[in-house]
Amino acid sequence: MNINPLTFLLFSQSALCCMLVLFRNFHLGYLPEEWAGAVHLVTMRGPTFLFLGWNLFLAWVPYWLSTALSRARGTIPKVGLLLLWLLFFPNAPYIITDLIHLRPHHPIPIWYDALMFFSAAWTGLLLGYCSLLRVGSALRQWWGASYARAFSVMSLLLCGFGIYLGRFLRWNSWDALLQPLALLRSISGLLSHPPTLLLSLGIAMLLSTLLGLGYFTIYTISKSEFQ
């Protein structure tokens, strides 16, 4: 079976992140039999930091969707996968906001936790950028370069706002499908309170700018001829 080298490298980096989290837990004495099942693994925000594994899994979703999109045939599958990818795309760079959990946790050195969080955030960014590059490449082949560039910029702008909704308002990507009215009410609540709206837009634009500069740097490197 042929394995895509890029996918292998991203998987290896994800595995390293998970090993850092697991080693930390074993060192502290948090054994698997003491974990309260899958729900605990996903929701735990305490000293185990097991949620990083779940967040990494979610970061892979847009990458998988971009792979499926690049192989799609027919307008309906293409548009459906594109919208689904757009919905889950913020999950990849979202991991950079997990750095808010970084603080001293004796006896673990803070440099270890910093390395663990940074490796997870970096992996999430790479998964997001690679998925956007793949989506952009597919769109250029189907609908032209101008449309692909416009979609990339729009995706990065929406991604910043999506990260804000996830980190500060605690919405998930699937809530757009499972609780669309509640999500719309939450967003309309921002519109009815100008100070909060300005703050949310400011945070979203800051995130979008950061992600945009990073993406177009990676894009430029991918098109250059260093080798």
Protein backbone atom coordinates (compact mmCIF):
# COMPACT_ATOMS: atom_id res chain seq x y z
CA MET A 1 0.00 0.00 0.00
CA ASN A 2 1.38 3.38 -1.04
CA ILE A 3 1.29 6.04 1.68
CA ASN A 4 1.39 9.70 0.75
CA PRO A 5 4.68 11.10 2.17
CA LEU A 6 2.97 14.27 3.38
CA THR A 7 0.24 12.30 5.14
CA PHE A 8 2.89 10.08 6.74
CA LEU A 9 4.83 13.09 8.05
CA LEU A 10 1.69 14.74 9.43
CA PHE A 11 0.63 11.47 11.05
CA SER A 12 4.09 11.06 12.59
CA GLN A 13 3.94 14.56 14.03
CA SER A 14 0.46 13.90 15.43
CA ALA A 15 1.72 10.66 16.98
CA LEU A 16 4.59 12.55 18.61
CA CYS A 17 2.13 15.03 20.13
CA CYS A 18 0.02 12.20 21.53
CA MET A 19 3.10 10.49 22.95
CA LEU A 20 4.11 13.70 24.71
CA VAL A 21 0.66 13.88 26.32
CA LEU A 22 0.67 10.19 27.30
CA PHE A 23 4.19 10.30 28.72
CA ARG A 24 3.17 13.31 30.80
CA ASN A 25 0.19 11.41 32.21
CA PHE A 26 2.20 8.29 33.01
CA HIS A 27 4.83 10.43 34.73
CA LEU A 28 2.13 12.03 36.90
CA GLY A 29 0.56 8.65 37.66
CA TYR A 30 -2.64 9.12 35.64
CA LEU A 31 -3.09 5.58 34.35
CA PRO A 32 -5.52 4.55 31.58
CA GLU A 33 -7.71 2.56 33.97
CA GLU A 34 -8.26 5.78 35.92
CA TRP A 35 -9.56 7.68 32.90
CA ALA A 36 -13.37 7.88 32.88
CA GLY A 37 -13.85 6.62 29.32
CA ALA A 38 -14.04 8.45 26.03
CA VAL A 39 -16.13 11.33 27.40
CA HIS A 40 -13.42 12.11 29.94
CA LEU A 41 -10.76 11.94 27.25
CA VAL A 42 -12.62 14.48 25.12
CA THR A 43 -13.82 16.90 27.80
CA MET A 44 -11.08 16.77 30.45
CA ARG A 45 -9.59 20.23 30.94
CA GLY A 46 -7.62 19.34 34.03
CA PRO A 47 -3.98 18.33 34.43
CA THR A 48 -4.19 15.38 32.00
CA PHE A 49 -4.55 17.55 28.86
CA LEU A 50 -6.10 14.56 27.10
CA PHE A 51 -8.28 16.95 25.11
CA LEU A 52 -5.26 17.65 22.89
CA GLY A 53 -5.71 14.20 21.35
CA TRP A 54 -9.34 14.97 20.49
CA ASN A 55 -8.45 18.39 19.10
CA LEU A 56 -5.77 16.79 16.92
CA PHE A 57 -8.34 14.33 15.60
CA LEU A 58 -10.65 17.23 14.70
CA ALA A 59 -7.71 18.97 13.00
CA TRP A 60 -7.40 15.96 10.70
CA VAL A 61 -11.03 16.21 9.54
CA PRO A 62 -10.48 19.11 7.07
CA TYR A 63 -7.37 17.35 5.76
CA TRP A 64 -9.36 14.19 5.05
CA LEU A 65 -12.16 16.23 3.50
CA SER A 66 -9.70 18.07 1.25
CA THR A 67 -8.35 14.70 0.08
CA ALA A 68 -11.87 13.53 -0.73
CA LEU A 69 -12.61 16.85 -2.45
CA SER A 70 -9.56 16.57 -4.71
CA ARG A 71 -10.89 13.22 -5.95
CA ALA A 72 -14.57 14.21 -6.21
CA ARG A 73 -16.46 13.97 -9.48
CA GLY A 74 -19.66 15.86 -10.23
CA THR A 75 -20.87 19.28 -9.13
CA ILE A 76 -23.02 18.18 -6.19
CA PRO A 77 -20.30 16.09 -4.46
CA LYS A 78 -17.76 18.87 -5.04
CA VAL A 79 -19.97 21.61 -3.59
CA GLY A 80 -21.09 19.40 -0.70
CA LEU A 81 -17.54 18.46 0.29
CA LEU A 82 -16.39 22.06 -0.15
CA LEU A 83 -19.06 23.36 2.25
CA LEU A 84 -18.33 20.56 4.72
CA TRP A 85 -14.61 21.35 4.54
CA LEU A 86 -15.31 25.05 5.13
CA LEU A 87 -17.36 24.13 8.20
CA PHE A 88 -14.60 22.02 9.76
CA PHE A 89 -11.57 24.02 8.57
CA PRO A 90 -11.32 26.16 11.75
CA ASN A 91 -10.73 23.00 13.83
CA ALA A 92 -7.18 22.72 12.50
CA PRO A 93 -5.73 26.12 13.51
CA TYR A 94 -8.04 26.24 16.56
CA ILE A 95 -5.37 24.31 18.51
CA ILE A 96 -3.21 27.43 18.73
CA THR A 97 -5.73 28.79 21.24
CA ASP A 98 -5.08 25.81 23.54
CA LEU A 99 -1.96 27.71 24.60
CA ILE A 100 -4.21 29.49 27.12
CA HIS A 101 -3.90 26.33 29.24
CA LEU A 102 -0.12 26.75 29.53
CA ARG A 103 0.85 27.42 33.15
CA PRO A 104 3.13 25.82 35.76
CA HIS A 105 2.01 22.31 36.79
CA HIS A 106 4.42 20.85 39.34
CA PRO A 107 6.34 18.57 38.95
CA ILE A 108 6.19 18.86 35.12
CA PRO A 109 8.65 21.51 33.88
CA ILE A 110 6.87 24.30 32.06
CA TRP A 111 9.21 23.89 29.09
CA TYR A 112 7.81 20.38 28.58
CA ASP A 113 4.23 21.61 28.56
CA ALA A 114 5.24 24.48 26.26
CA LEU A 115 6.81 21.99 23.84
CA MET A 116 3.72 19.76 24.04
CA PHE A 117 1.30 22.59 23.31
CA PHE A 118 3.52 24.07 20.61
CA SER A 119 3.87 20.74 18.82
CA ALA A 120 0.08 20.28 18.86
CA ALA A 121 -0.52 23.84 17.63
CA TRP A 122 2.10 23.50 14.90
CA THR A 123 0.62 20.19 13.75
CA GLY A 124 -2.85 21.74 13.63
CA LEU A 125 -1.57 24.67 11.58
CA LEU A 126 0.19 22.35 9.13
CA LEU A 127 -2.94 20.23 8.72
CA GLY A 128 -4.99 23.35 8.08
CA TYR A 129 -2.54 24.89 5.63
CA CYS A 130 -2.06 21.62 3.73
CA SER A 131 -5.81 21.14 3.45
CA LEU A 132 -6.28 24.71 2.17
CA LEU A 133 -3.46 24.25 -0.35
CA ARG A 134 -5.14 21.08 -1.60
CA VAL A 135 -8.55 22.75 -1.80
CA GLY A 136 -7.04 25.73 -3.63
CA SER A 137 -5.32 23.43 -6.11
CA ALA A 138 -8.60 21.62 -6.82
CA LEU A 139 -10.50 24.88 -7.28
CA ARG A 140 -7.87 26.22 -9.70
CA GLN A 141 -8.32 23.13 -11.86
CA TRP A 142 -12.11 23.31 -11.76
CA TRP A 143 -13.00 27.00 -11.73
CA GLY A 144 -9.82 29.01 -12.33
CA ALA A 145 -7.10 30.75 -10.33
CA SER A 146 -9.09 33.90 -9.51
CA TYR A 147 -11.90 31.94 -7.89
CA ALA A 148 -9.39 29.80 -5.97
CA ARG A 149 -7.59 32.87 -4.56
CA ALA A 150 -10.87 34.54 -3.57
CA PHE A 151 -12.06 31.37 -1.86
CA SER A 152 -8.77 31.02 0.04
CA VAL A 153 -9.03 34.57 1.39
CA MET A 154 -12.69 34.09 2.31
CA SER A 155 -11.86 30.80 4.05
CA LEU A 156 -9.17 32.44 6.17
CA LEU A 157 -11.51 35.28 7.15
CA LEU A 158 -14.29 32.89 8.13
CA CYS A 159 -11.76 30.69 9.90
CA GLY A 160 -10.77 33.51 12.25
CA PHE A 161 -14.40 34.08 13.18
CA GLY A 162 -14.96 30.34 13.53
CA ILE A 163 -12.07 30.07 15.98
CA TYR A 164 -13.59 32.94 17.98
CA LEU A 165 -16.94 31.13 18.11
CA GLY A 166 -15.23 27.97 19.29
CA ARG A 167 -12.89 29.43 21.89
CA PHE A 168 -15.02 32.19 23.41
CA LEU A 169 -18.62 31.14 22.72
CA ARG A 170 -17.85 27.39 22.91
CA TRP A 171 -19.58 26.38 19.67
CA ASN A 172 -18.46 23.34 17.68
CA SER A 173 -18.42 22.85 13.91
CA TRP A 174 -21.18 20.24 14.05
CA ASP A 175 -23.45 22.65 15.92
CA ALA A 176 -24.03 24.38 12.58
CA LEU A 177 -25.76 21.15 11.52
CA LEU A 178 -27.27 20.03 14.84
CA GLN A 179 -28.20 23.38 16.41
CA PRO A 180 -28.29 25.91 13.55
CA LEU A 181 -30.97 28.15 15.10
CA ALA A 182 -29.21 28.33 18.46
CA LEU A 183 -25.95 29.18 16.70
CA LEU A 184 -27.63 31.92 14.68
CA ARG A 185 -29.19 33.36 17.84
CA SER A 186 -25.76 33.43 19.47
CA ILE A 187 -24.28 35.28 16.49
CA SER A 188 -27.23 37.69 16.34
CA GLY A 189 -26.59 38.42 20.01
CA LEU A 190 -23.21 39.80 19.00
CA LEU A 191 -24.85 42.06 16.43
CA SER A 192 -27.16 43.53 19.06
CA HIS A 193 -24.29 44.49 21.37
CA PRO A 194 -21.82 46.77 19.51
CA PRO A 195 -18.95 46.66 22.08
CA THR A 196 -18.96 42.85 22.07
CA LEU A 197 -19.30 42.83 18.29
CA LEU A 198 -16.26 45.08 17.87
CA LEU A 199 -14.24 42.92 20.26
CA SER A 200 -15.24 39.70 18.49
CA LEU A 201 -14.47 41.15 15.05
CA GLY A 202 -11.13 42.46 16.30
CA ILE A 203 -10.14 39.05 17.64
CA ALA A 204 -11.38 37.33 14.48
CA MET A 205 -9.45 39.73 12.22
CA LEU A 206 -6.29 39.30 14.29
CA LEU A 207 -6.56 35.52 13.99
CA SER A 208 -7.36 35.74 10.26
CA THR A 209 -4.38 38.02 9.64
CA LEU A 210 -2.04 35.69 11.53
CA LEU A 211 -3.35 32.65 9.67
CA GLY A 212 -3.32 34.48 6.33
CA LEU A 213 0.30 35.57 6.64
CA GLY A 214 1.28 32.05 7.63
CA TYR A 215 -0.68 30.48 4.80
CA PHE A 216 0.64 32.73 2.05
CA THR A 217 4.17 32.23 3.39
CA ILE A 218 3.72 28.46 3.10
CA TYR A 219 2.10 28.93 -0.32
CA THR A 220 5.04 31.03 -1.55
CA ILE A 221 7.54 28.48 -0.26
CA SER A 222 5.64 25.68 -2.00
CA LYS A 223 5.89 27.59 -5.30
CA SER A 224 9.55 28.61 -4.96
CA GLU A 225 12.56 26.72 -6.26
CA PHE A 226 15.02 26.50 -3.40
CA GLN A 227 16.00 22.99 -4.38
